[in-house]
Amino acid sequence: MKALKPLVMSGKEVLPLVEGGKGIAVSNGQSSGAWAAAGGIGTFSGVNADSYDADGNIVPQIYQGRTRRERHDELVEFGIRGGIAQARMAHEMSNGQGRLHMNVLWEMGGAEPILHGVLEGAKGLIHGVTCGAGMPYRVAEIAVKFGVHYYPIVSSARAFRALWLRAYNRFPDFLGGVVYEDPWLAGGHNGLSNSEDPKKPEDPYPRVAALRTMMNSFGLTEVPIVMAGGVWWLSEWEHWLDNPEIGPIAFQFGTRPLLTRESPISDAWKQKLLSLKPGDVYLNRFSPTGFYSSAVRNPFLEELRQRSERQVAFVVEPVGEHTDAFLLGPRGRPVYLAPHDRERAEGWVHEGYSTALKTPDNTLVFVTPERSREILKDQVDCMGCLSACAFSNWAQNEEGTTGRRADPRSFCIQKTLQNISHSEDVDNQLMFAGHNAYRFGSDPWYANGFVPTVKELVERIATGY
């Protein structure tokens, strides 16, 4: 393979190897500091990052507020304290090598105050901010205020064009790079547009070449593109190196750093990664963000899939084919279903899915009474972890609501990501992963359960494998 050429990123020459940021305590100061110490760019997550007490124990994020707004304010405070703590840890572990970035999601609750608070409280420790999940127009202005480079995450040239023309053209000197995240192969939330088919992955090369052409038209010929999503062996990407159609290029690894000794995820999670097979990562649309996301197929996702399949349309007055009354709740209030849907609904009730919950789309989903109680409790306990949440109907606006009915087909993303990050439960929680995660089991380097250090992983990647 061609030798990797260092790039100047965030003000320093580094290996063009970037650790992808993964939220809720998965990319932390330990993993990102080790990646930077190996000469690359380490990225800790600023999404509900862990903070610690005086004895070094993780502080549980328990909310005391009576209202969603009060709990949201607590979430912002947790986020700022956690981000500062992770930045300090990463800085200490990096030994002055590489660069350190913080990853935030623009659609997370309190994104702007958390970003301000962490950059203020960790001045000089963070060299770049990566930001996606939405259109982060203001991230440039905030980063530049603190002398920090910014790295928008996009999935098309069109998205970057909109960001550049609306905001980024005013801050060109601090645009450290543009992260192209493959919307079909990356783990976590994916940037698929309405015009793109989730079942028909597209070759990233022409899409990234189009992004480079767009960037060149804005005079950004020396600004690196960071290829993210689907990258495993660099030998498979050799034709991207020293390629004028692609220009300066770095590669981001989100999934492979999960299986390192410095990775904070549980041993059960690491063992699960080693057992995955092709197709075990599932592109789905259950997330309360409304985005597609990629996660490991497990009982958690299977329950969500089955929940949505137990679904029928209803009306409150008989009309058209909706002629058959169906009684809801303890008071037996009638709604009207099509005859074949009434038969299906009665079958689900007979199987124990006896509680029908209304969705924003005038449908009913059928769940067990136990699941219904869990869903309703999680909705009531909402702490506003997203700017807008389909599951709880919270929104970060004056009204505090999306104006739509809470959607029982989704789930509390904060709860499940906190649980998988801080427990051994990998079956009943959401487990994000990229679509190449099955390669842990087929890559000979991981034979016999081998788990490398971050340094060993970075050195291995640099060889092409």
Protein backbone atom coordinates (compact mmCIF):
# COMPACT_ATOMS: atom_id res chain seq x y z
CA MET A 1 0.00 0.00 0.00
CA LYS A 2 1.09 3.59 -0.56
CA ALA A 3 2.61 5.21 2.49
CA LEU A 4 0.24 7.40 4.48
CA LYS A 5 1.23 11.04 4.27
CA PRO A 6 0.72 13.21 7.33
CA LEU A 7 -1.72 16.11 7.05
CA VAL A 8 -1.89 19.39 8.91
CA MET A 9 -5.21 19.28 10.76
CA SER A 10 -6.34 21.56 13.58
CA GLY A 11 -2.98 23.32 13.43
CA LYS A 12 -0.64 20.34 13.68
CA GLU A 13 0.79 17.66 11.41
CA VAL A 14 -0.86 14.33 12.26
CA LEU A 15 -1.49 10.91 10.79
CA PRO A 16 -4.62 11.15 8.60
CA LEU A 17 -6.40 8.73 10.94
CA VAL A 18 -9.34 9.98 12.96
CA GLU A 19 -11.23 8.30 15.78
CA GLY A 20 -14.94 8.68 15.19
CA GLY A 21 -16.91 10.21 18.05
CA LYS A 22 -19.55 7.96 19.62
CA GLY A 23 -21.97 9.40 22.15
CA ILE A 24 -23.05 8.57 25.70
CA ALA A 25 -19.66 7.63 27.18
CA VAL A 26 -18.51 5.38 24.31
CA SER A 27 -15.79 7.67 22.95
CA ASN A 28 -14.30 9.14 26.10
CA GLY A 29 -11.13 10.85 27.26
CA GLN A 30 -9.34 7.54 27.71
CA SER A 31 -9.92 6.24 24.18
CA SER A 32 -9.47 9.60 22.45
CA GLY A 33 -6.36 10.48 24.45
CA ALA A 34 -4.78 7.17 23.50
CA TRP A 35 -5.63 7.75 19.81
CA ALA A 36 -4.02 11.21 19.90
CA ALA A 37 -0.97 9.78 21.70
CA ALA A 38 -0.57 7.40 18.75
CA GLY A 39 -0.26 10.40 16.44
CA GLY A 40 -3.76 10.67 15.01
CA ILE A 41 -6.86 12.67 15.92
CA GLY A 42 -8.70 11.41 18.97
CA THR A 43 -12.36 12.34 19.36
CA PHE A 44 -14.28 12.26 22.62
CA SER A 45 -18.02 12.61 22.65
CA GLY A 46 -19.69 15.68 24.09
CA VAL A 47 -23.06 13.92 24.12
CA ASN A 48 -24.00 13.27 27.75
CA ALA A 49 -20.38 12.64 28.64
CA ASP A 50 -19.54 11.11 32.02
CA SER A 51 -18.30 13.23 34.87
CA TYR A 52 -16.64 11.99 38.06
CA ASP A 53 -16.73 12.56 41.81
CA ALA A 54 -13.71 13.29 43.99
CA ASP A 55 -12.87 9.58 44.17
CA GLY A 56 -12.95 9.12 40.40
CA ASN A 57 -16.30 7.34 40.31
CA ILE A 58 -18.76 8.05 37.51
CA VAL A 59 -21.53 10.39 38.65
CA PRO A 60 -24.90 8.82 37.72
CA GLN A 61 -27.05 11.16 35.65
CA ILE A 62 -30.12 11.14 37.89
CA TYR A 63 -32.63 13.93 37.35
CA GLN A 64 -34.40 15.69 40.21
CA GLY A 65 -36.44 18.30 38.32
CA ARG A 66 -40.22 18.07 38.41
CA THR A 67 -40.70 19.39 34.87
CA ARG A 68 -39.10 18.54 31.56
CA ARG A 69 -37.67 22.04 31.37
CA GLU A 70 -36.00 21.66 34.77
CA ARG A 71 -34.61 18.26 33.83
CA HIS A 72 -33.37 19.68 30.53
CA ASP A 73 -31.42 22.32 32.44
CA GLU A 74 -29.89 19.55 34.55
CA LEU A 75 -28.96 17.66 31.38
CA VAL A 76 -27.09 20.72 30.09
CA GLU A 77 -25.21 20.99 33.40
CA PHE A 78 -24.30 17.28 33.26
CA GLY A 79 -23.16 17.74 29.65
CA ILE A 80 -20.86 20.65 30.41
CA ARG A 81 -19.27 19.00 33.44
CA GLY A 82 -18.83 15.72 31.56
CA GLY A 83 -17.34 17.33 28.47
CA ILE A 84 -14.78 19.24 30.53
CA ALA A 85 -13.88 16.09 32.46
CA GLN A 86 -13.34 14.10 29.27
CA ALA A 87 -11.29 16.87 27.67
CA ARG A 88 -8.97 16.97 30.67
CA MET A 89 -8.59 13.20 30.69
CA ALA A 90 -7.86 13.10 26.96
CA HIS A 91 -5.32 15.91 27.26
CA GLU A 92 -3.43 14.08 30.01
CA MET A 93 -3.40 10.80 28.09
CA SER A 94 -2.33 12.35 24.77
CA ASN A 95 1.09 13.41 26.11
CA GLY A 96 1.01 16.38 23.79
CA GLN A 97 0.79 14.19 20.68
CA GLY A 98 -1.77 14.27 17.89
CA ARG A 99 -4.90 16.40 18.15
CA LEU A 100 -8.03 16.20 20.26
CA HIS A 101 -11.53 16.83 18.95
CA MET A 102 -14.92 16.96 20.60
CA ASN A 103 -17.94 15.52 18.82
CA VAL A 104 -21.41 16.98 19.29
CA LEU A 105 -24.74 16.33 17.62
CA TRP A 106 -26.53 19.46 16.48
CA GLU A 107 -29.89 17.82 17.20
CA MET A 108 -28.96 16.91 20.77
CA GLY A 109 -30.69 18.82 23.54
CA GLY A 110 -28.73 21.88 24.64
CA ALA A 111 -26.11 21.56 21.88
CA GLU A 112 -25.18 25.24 21.84
CA PRO A 113 -24.90 25.89 25.61
CA ILE A 114 -23.03 22.60 26.10
CA LEU A 115 -20.58 23.43 23.33
CA HIS A 116 -20.04 26.93 24.74
CA GLY A 117 -19.64 25.59 28.27
CA VAL A 118 -17.14 22.86 27.42
CA LEU A 119 -15.00 25.03 25.15
CA GLU A 120 -14.93 27.74 27.83
CA GLY A 121 -14.16 25.31 30.65
CA ALA A 122 -11.52 23.35 28.72
CA LYS A 123 -9.74 26.19 26.93
CA GLY A 124 -6.64 25.08 25.08
CA LEU A 125 -7.38 21.36 25.51
CA ILE A 126 -9.68 20.90 22.50
CA HIS A 127 -8.36 21.54 19.00
CA GLY A 128 -11.40 20.76 16.86
CA VAL A 129 -15.16 20.25 16.97
CA THR A 130 -16.92 17.73 14.75
CA CYS A 131 -20.63 18.16 14.39
CA GLY A 132 -23.40 16.45 12.46
CA ALA A 133 -26.95 15.13 12.92
CA GLY A 134 -28.71 18.06 11.33
CA MET A 135 -27.45 21.22 9.67
CA PRO A 136 -25.03 22.82 12.17
CA TYR A 137 -24.93 26.34 10.74
CA ARG A 138 -23.79 27.95 13.99
CA VAL A 139 -21.03 25.52 14.94
CA ALA A 140 -18.44 27.54 12.99
CA GLU A 141 -19.25 30.77 14.80
CA ILE A 142 -19.07 29.07 18.19
CA ALA A 143 -15.82 27.19 17.47
CA VAL A 144 -14.07 30.26 16.05
CA LYS A 145 -14.97 32.25 19.14
CA PHE A 146 -12.68 29.90 21.08
CA GLY A 147 -9.99 29.61 18.41
CA VAL A 148 -11.01 26.01 17.63
CA HIS A 149 -11.28 24.40 14.19
CA TYR A 150 -14.62 23.01 13.07
CA TYR A 151 -15.44 19.87 11.06
CA PRO A 152 -19.01 19.60 9.76
CA ILE A 153 -20.29 16.09 9.09
CA VAL A 154 -22.20 15.82 5.81
CA SER A 155 -23.40 13.04 3.53
CA SER A 156 -23.54 14.97 0.25
CA ALA A 157 -21.97 17.87 -1.62
CA ARG A 158 -25.37 19.57 -1.57
CA ALA A 159 -25.45 19.61 2.23
CA PHE A 160 -22.00 21.18 2.43
CA ARG A 161 -22.95 23.79 -0.18
CA ALA A 162 -25.88 24.89 1.96
CA LEU A 163 -23.70 25.15 5.06
CA TRP A 164 -20.96 27.04 3.25
CA LEU A 165 -23.20 29.61 1.56
CA ARG A 166 -25.30 30.28 4.64
CA ALA A 167 -22.59 30.41 7.31
CA TYR A 168 -19.18 28.84 6.81
CA ASN A 169 -17.96 31.23 4.11
CA ARG A 170 -17.51 33.80 6.88
CA PHE A 171 -15.10 31.52 8.79
CA PRO A 172 -12.93 29.82 6.14
CA ASP A 173 -9.66 29.87 8.09
CA PHE A 174 -10.98 27.61 10.85
CA LEU A 175 -12.63 25.03 8.60
CA GLY A 176 -10.34 22.15 9.55
CA GLY A 177 -11.93 19.57 7.29
CA VAL A 178 -15.21 18.24 5.99
CA VAL A 179 -16.30 14.81 7.22
CA TYR A 180 -18.15 12.81 4.58
CA GLU A 181 -20.12 10.17 6.46
CA ASP A 182 -21.48 7.37 4.28
CA PRO A 183 -25.23 7.33 4.99
CA TRP A 184 -25.54 3.60 4.27
CA LEU A 185 -22.52 2.18 6.07
CA ALA A 186 -21.77 4.42 9.06
CA GLY A 187 -22.86 3.45 12.55
CA GLY A 188 -25.28 5.48 14.62
CA HIS A 189 -27.50 8.08 13.00
CA ASN A 190 -27.26 8.35 9.24
CA GLY A 191 -27.79 11.28 6.89
CA LEU A 192 -30.00 9.65 4.27
CA SER A 193 -32.11 12.20 2.42
CA ASN A 194 -35.66 11.62 1.22
CA SER A 195 -34.35 11.19 -2.33
CA GLU A 196 -32.01 8.33 -1.39
CA ASP A 197 -33.07 4.70 -1.12
CA PRO A 198 -31.96 3.09 2.17
CA LYS A 199 -31.90 -0.29 0.40
CA LYS A 200 -29.62 0.84 -2.43
CA PRO A 201 -26.18 1.88 -1.15
CA GLU A 202 -24.22 4.16 -3.44
CA ASP A 203 -20.48 4.06 -4.11
CA PRO A 204 -18.88 6.74 -1.94
CA TYR A 205 -16.18 7.60 -4.48
CA PRO A 206 -18.30 9.70 -6.91
CA ARG A 207 -20.11 11.33 -3.99
CA VAL A 208 -16.83 12.35 -2.35
CA ALA A 209 -15.37 13.43 -5.71
CA ALA A 210 -18.43 15.67 -6.13
CA LEU A 211 -17.84 17.08 -2.65
CA ARG A 212 -14.22 17.84 -3.58
CA THR A 213 -15.31 19.58 -6.78
CA MET A 214 -17.74 21.67 -4.75
CA MET A 215 -15.09 22.53 -2.17
CA ASN A 216 -12.57 23.45 -4.86
CA SER A 217 -15.10 25.86 -6.37
CA PHE A 218 -15.09 27.66 -3.02
CA GLY A 219 -11.28 27.80 -2.92
CA LEU A 220 -10.98 25.00 -0.34
CA THR A 221 -8.48 22.90 -2.30
CA GLU A 222 -6.22 22.29 0.71
CA VAL A 223 -8.97 21.54 3.22
CA PRO A 224 -9.01 17.77 3.90
CA ILE A 225 -12.02 15.55 3.44
CA VAL A 226 -12.43 12.91 6.15
CA MET A 227 -13.94 9.70 4.80
CA ALA A 228 -16.15 8.11 7.47
CA GLY A 229 -18.31 5.00 7.39
CA GLY A 230 -17.37 1.65 5.91
CA VAL A 231 -13.60 2.09 6.33
CA TRP A 232 -11.86 -1.03 7.65
CA TRP A 233 -8.67 -1.87 5.74
CA LEU A 234 -6.96 1.14 4.15
CA SER A 235 -5.59 -1.17 1.47
CA GLU A 236 -9.14 -1.17 0.10
CA TRP A 237 -8.99 2.62 -0.23
CA GLU A 238 -5.51 2.93 -1.74
CA HIS A 239 -6.88 4.45 -4.95
CA TRP A 240 -8.08 7.41 -2.87
CA LEU A 241 -4.52 8.31 -1.84
CA ASP A 242 -2.64 10.92 -3.90
CA ASN A 243 -5.74 11.19 -6.08
CA PRO A 244 -6.41 14.71 -7.47
CA GLU A 245 -10.15 13.94 -7.76
CA ILE A 246 -10.25 13.36 -4.00
CA GLY A 247 -7.53 15.75 -2.83
CA PRO A 248 -6.24 15.78 0.76
CA ILE A 249 -7.90 12.83 2.49
CA ALA A 250 -8.07 11.42 6.01
CA PHE A 251 -9.97 8.36 7.20
CA GLN A 252 -12.25 8.07 10.20
CA PHE A 253 -12.72 4.88 12.19
CA GLY A 254 -15.75 4.67 14.44
CA THR A 255 -16.39 0.95 14.88
CA ARG A 256 -12.87 -0.49 15.09
CA PRO A 257 -11.87 1.59 18.16
CA LEU A 258 -14.72 -0.04 20.08
CA LEU A 259 -12.66 -3.20 20.33
CA THR A 260 -9.55 -1.86 22.07
CA ARG A 261 -8.30 -2.14 25.60
CA GLU A 262 -8.86 1.56 26.19
CA SER A 263 -12.43 1.42 24.91
CA PRO A 264 -14.79 1.97 27.86
CA ILE A 265 -17.55 -0.34 26.61
CA SER A 266 -18.31 -3.50 28.57
CA ASP A 267 -16.64 -6.85 27.98
CA ALA A 268 -20.04 -8.24 26.98
CA TRP A 269 -20.27 -5.60 24.24
CA LYS A 270 -16.75 -6.38 23.02
CA GLN A 271 -17.51 -10.10 22.89
CA LYS A 272 -20.73 -9.41 21.01
CA LEU A 273 -18.77 -7.51 18.36
CA LEU A 274 -16.52 -10.52 17.83
CA SER A 275 -19.54 -12.74 17.15
CA LEU A 276 -21.36 -10.60 14.55
CA LYS A 277 -22.16 -11.93 11.09
CA PRO A 278 -22.87 -10.09 7.80
CA GLY A 279 -26.30 -8.46 8.02
CA ASP A 280 -26.34 -8.26 11.81
CA VAL A 281 -26.22 -4.46 11.65
CA TYR A 282 -29.63 -3.12 10.75
CA LEU A 283 -30.46 0.23 9.09
CA ASN A 284 -33.72 1.23 10.75
CA ARG A 285 -35.92 4.24 11.40
CA PHE A 286 -37.07 3.70 14.98
CA SER A 287 -34.93 6.51 16.42
CA PRO A 288 -36.88 9.35 18.08
CA THR A 289 -34.71 11.78 16.09
CA GLY A 290 -36.48 10.84 12.88
CA PHE A 291 -33.14 9.92 11.27
CA TYR A 292 -32.25 6.50 9.99
CA SER A 293 -29.72 4.77 12.21
CA SER A 294 -27.53 1.67 12.08
CA ALA A 295 -27.49 -0.67 15.05
CA VAL A 296 -26.92 -4.33 15.89
CA ARG A 297 -29.92 -6.63 15.52
CA ASN A 298 -30.83 -7.82 19.00
CA PRO A 299 -34.00 -8.38 21.05
CA PHE A 300 -34.29 -4.61 21.65
CA LEU A 301 -34.54 -3.83 17.93
CA GLU A 302 -36.61 -6.91 17.26
CA GLU A 303 -39.23 -5.79 19.79
CA LEU A 304 -39.45 -2.38 18.10
CA ARG A 305 -39.86 -4.04 14.71
CA GLN A 306 -42.61 -6.33 15.96
CA ARG A 307 -44.30 -3.46 17.78
CA SER A 308 -44.62 -1.51 14.53
CA GLU A 309 -45.94 -4.59 12.73
CA ARG A 310 -48.77 -4.84 15.27
CA GLN A 311 -50.28 -1.65 13.87
CA VAL A 312 -53.59 -0.71 12.24
CA ALA A 313 -55.16 2.52 11.02
CA PHE A 314 -58.19 3.86 12.90
CA VAL A 315 -60.78 6.64 12.71
CA VAL A 316 -62.99 8.06 15.45
CA GLU A 317 -66.18 7.93 13.35
CA PRO A 318 -67.14 5.21 10.88
CA VAL A 319 -66.18 6.19 7.35
CA GLY A 320 -65.34 4.29 4.18
CA GLU A 321 -63.92 0.85 4.94
CA HIS A 322 -63.46 1.71 8.62
CA THR A 323 -66.81 0.32 9.75
CA ASP A 324 -66.03 -2.02 12.65
CA ALA A 325 -66.05 -0.67 16.19
CA PHE A 326 -63.11 -1.53 18.42
CA LEU A 327 -63.21 -0.57 22.10
CA LEU A 328 -60.20 1.19 23.63
CA GLY A 329 -59.10 1.47 27.23
CA PRO A 330 -60.90 0.73 30.49
CA ARG A 331 -63.85 2.94 29.48
CA GLY A 332 -64.33 1.09 26.24
CA ARG A 333 -64.35 4.12 23.97
CA PRO A 334 -64.93 3.05 20.37
CA VAL A 335 -62.72 3.68 17.38
CA TYR A 336 -63.36 2.24 13.94
CA LEU A 337 -61.18 -0.19 12.00
CA ALA A 338 -61.40 -1.93 8.67
CA PRO A 339 -62.89 -5.43 9.16
CA HIS A 340 -59.63 -7.26 8.37
CA ASP A 341 -57.75 -4.97 10.78
CA ARG A 342 -60.29 -5.63 13.53
CA GLU A 343 -59.60 -9.35 13.14
CA ARG A 344 -55.87 -8.74 13.40
CA ALA A 345 -56.32 -6.50 16.45
CA GLU A 346 -58.45 -9.09 18.24
CA GLY A 347 -55.79 -11.71 17.50
CA TRP A 348 -53.07 -9.55 19.06
CA VAL A 349 -55.24 -8.94 22.12
CA HIS A 350 -55.73 -12.69 22.46
CA GLU A 351 -51.92 -13.13 22.32
CA GLY A 352 -51.48 -10.75 25.27
CA TYR A 353 -50.85 -7.49 23.40
CA SER A 354 -53.98 -6.08 24.94
CA THR A 355 -53.09 -2.39 25.20
CA ALA A 356 -53.57 -0.23 22.11
CA LEU A 357 -51.58 3.00 21.99
CA LYS A 358 -52.34 5.84 19.58
CA THR A 359 -49.60 7.14 17.29
CA PRO A 360 -49.28 10.57 15.60
CA ASP A 361 -50.29 8.94 12.30
CA ASN A 362 -53.77 7.87 13.40
CA THR A 363 -52.76 4.29 13.91
CA LEU A 364 -52.86 1.98 16.91
CA VAL A 365 -49.95 -0.17 18.02
CA PHE A 366 -50.61 -3.13 20.28
CA VAL A 367 -48.32 -3.90 23.22
CA THR A 368 -48.49 -5.80 26.49
CA PRO A 369 -49.73 -3.87 29.53
CA GLU A 370 -46.22 -4.11 31.00
CA ARG A 371 -44.66 -2.58 27.88
CA SER A 372 -47.32 0.12 27.83
CA ARG A 373 -46.47 1.14 31.39
CA GLU A 374 -42.76 1.27 30.52
CA ILE A 375 -43.41 3.42 27.42
CA LEU A 376 -45.61 5.87 29.30
CA LYS A 377 -43.15 6.16 32.19
CA ASP A 378 -40.25 6.82 29.84
CA GLN A 379 -42.27 9.52 28.09
CA VAL A 380 -43.17 11.18 31.37
CA ASP A 381 -39.54 11.03 32.59
CA CYS A 382 -38.23 12.83 29.46
CA MET A 383 -35.31 15.19 30.17
CA GLY A 384 -35.11 16.78 26.74
CA CYS A 385 -31.98 15.07 25.45
CA LEU A 386 -32.89 15.95 21.84
CA SER A 387 -33.80 19.25 20.26
CA ALA A 388 -37.01 17.54 19.20
CA CYS A 389 -38.11 14.05 20.24
CA ALA A 390 -40.76 12.05 18.42
CA PHE A 391 -41.05 9.57 21.30
CA SER A 392 -41.93 12.02 24.09
CA ASN A 393 -43.02 15.04 21.92
CA TRP A 394 -40.48 17.27 23.74
CA ALA A 395 -39.03 20.14 21.70
CA GLN A 396 -36.43 22.72 22.61
CA ASN A 397 -38.73 25.67 22.04
CA GLU A 398 -40.85 28.02 24.11
CA GLU A 399 -43.77 25.60 24.12
CA GLY A 400 -41.59 22.63 25.06
CA THR A 401 -43.40 20.39 22.58
CA THR A 402 -43.35 19.31 18.95
CA GLY A 403 -47.10 19.83 18.82
CA ARG A 404 -47.59 16.20 17.82
CA ARG A 405 -48.75 13.19 19.79
CA ALA A 406 -45.92 11.26 21.46
CA ASP A 407 -45.02 8.25 19.34
CA PRO A 408 -45.07 4.85 21.12
CA ARG A 409 -43.35 3.19 18.15
CA SER A 410 -40.06 4.77 19.22
CA PHE A 411 -38.07 4.72 22.47
CA CYS A 412 -36.16 6.82 25.01
CA ILE A 413 -32.75 7.03 23.39
CA GLN A 414 -31.09 8.60 26.43
CA LYS A 415 -32.20 5.76 28.69
CA THR A 416 -31.05 2.90 26.48
CA LEU A 417 -27.70 4.46 25.54
CA GLN A 418 -26.93 5.20 29.18
CA ASN A 419 -27.85 1.61 30.05
CA ILE A 420 -25.68 -0.06 27.41
CA SER A 421 -22.75 2.23 28.22
CA HIS A 422 -22.84 1.48 31.94
CA SER A 423 -23.90 -2.17 32.13
CA GLU A 424 -23.28 -5.60 30.64
CA ASP A 425 -26.74 -5.72 28.99
CA VAL A 426 -26.25 -5.96 25.22
CA ASP A 427 -29.54 -7.67 24.39
CA ASN A 428 -32.15 -5.28 25.73
CA GLN A 429 -30.49 -1.98 24.78
CA LEU A 430 -29.68 -0.11 21.59
CA MET A 431 -26.22 -1.02 20.28
CA PHE A 432 -25.00 1.28 17.53
CA ALA A 433 -22.38 -0.07 15.10
CA GLY A 434 -21.18 0.42 11.55
CA HIS A 435 -22.17 -2.11 8.89
CA ASN A 436 -18.64 -3.52 8.72
CA ALA A 437 -18.73 -4.60 12.38
CA TYR A 438 -19.08 -8.24 11.26
CA ARG A 439 -15.47 -8.02 10.09
CA PHE A 440 -14.24 -8.33 13.67
CA GLY A 441 -15.16 -11.99 13.34
CA SER A 442 -13.55 -12.48 9.93
CA ASP A 443 -10.46 -10.28 10.22
CA PRO A 444 -7.60 -12.65 11.16
CA TRP A 445 -6.02 -9.98 13.34
CA TYR A 446 -8.78 -10.49 15.91
CA ALA A 447 -8.44 -14.29 15.94
CA ASN A 448 -8.79 -16.01 19.32
CA GLY A 449 -10.46 -12.96 20.80
CA PHE A 450 -7.45 -10.65 20.44
CA VAL A 451 -8.16 -7.13 21.70
CA PRO A 452 -5.44 -4.60 20.78
CA THR A 453 -4.42 -1.40 22.47
CA VAL A 454 -5.28 1.80 20.63
CA LYS A 455 -1.60 2.22 19.77
CA GLU A 456 -1.50 -1.27 18.26
CA LEU A 457 -4.68 -0.56 16.29
CA VAL A 458 -3.39 2.72 14.84
CA GLU A 459 -0.10 1.06 13.86
CA ARG A 460 -2.02 -1.82 12.26
CA ILE A 461 -4.30 0.53 10.31
CA ALA A 462 -1.27 2.45 9.01
CA THR A 463 0.01 -0.75 7.36
CA GLY A 464 -3.18 -0.92 5.32
CA TYR A 465 -4.98 -3.55 7.43
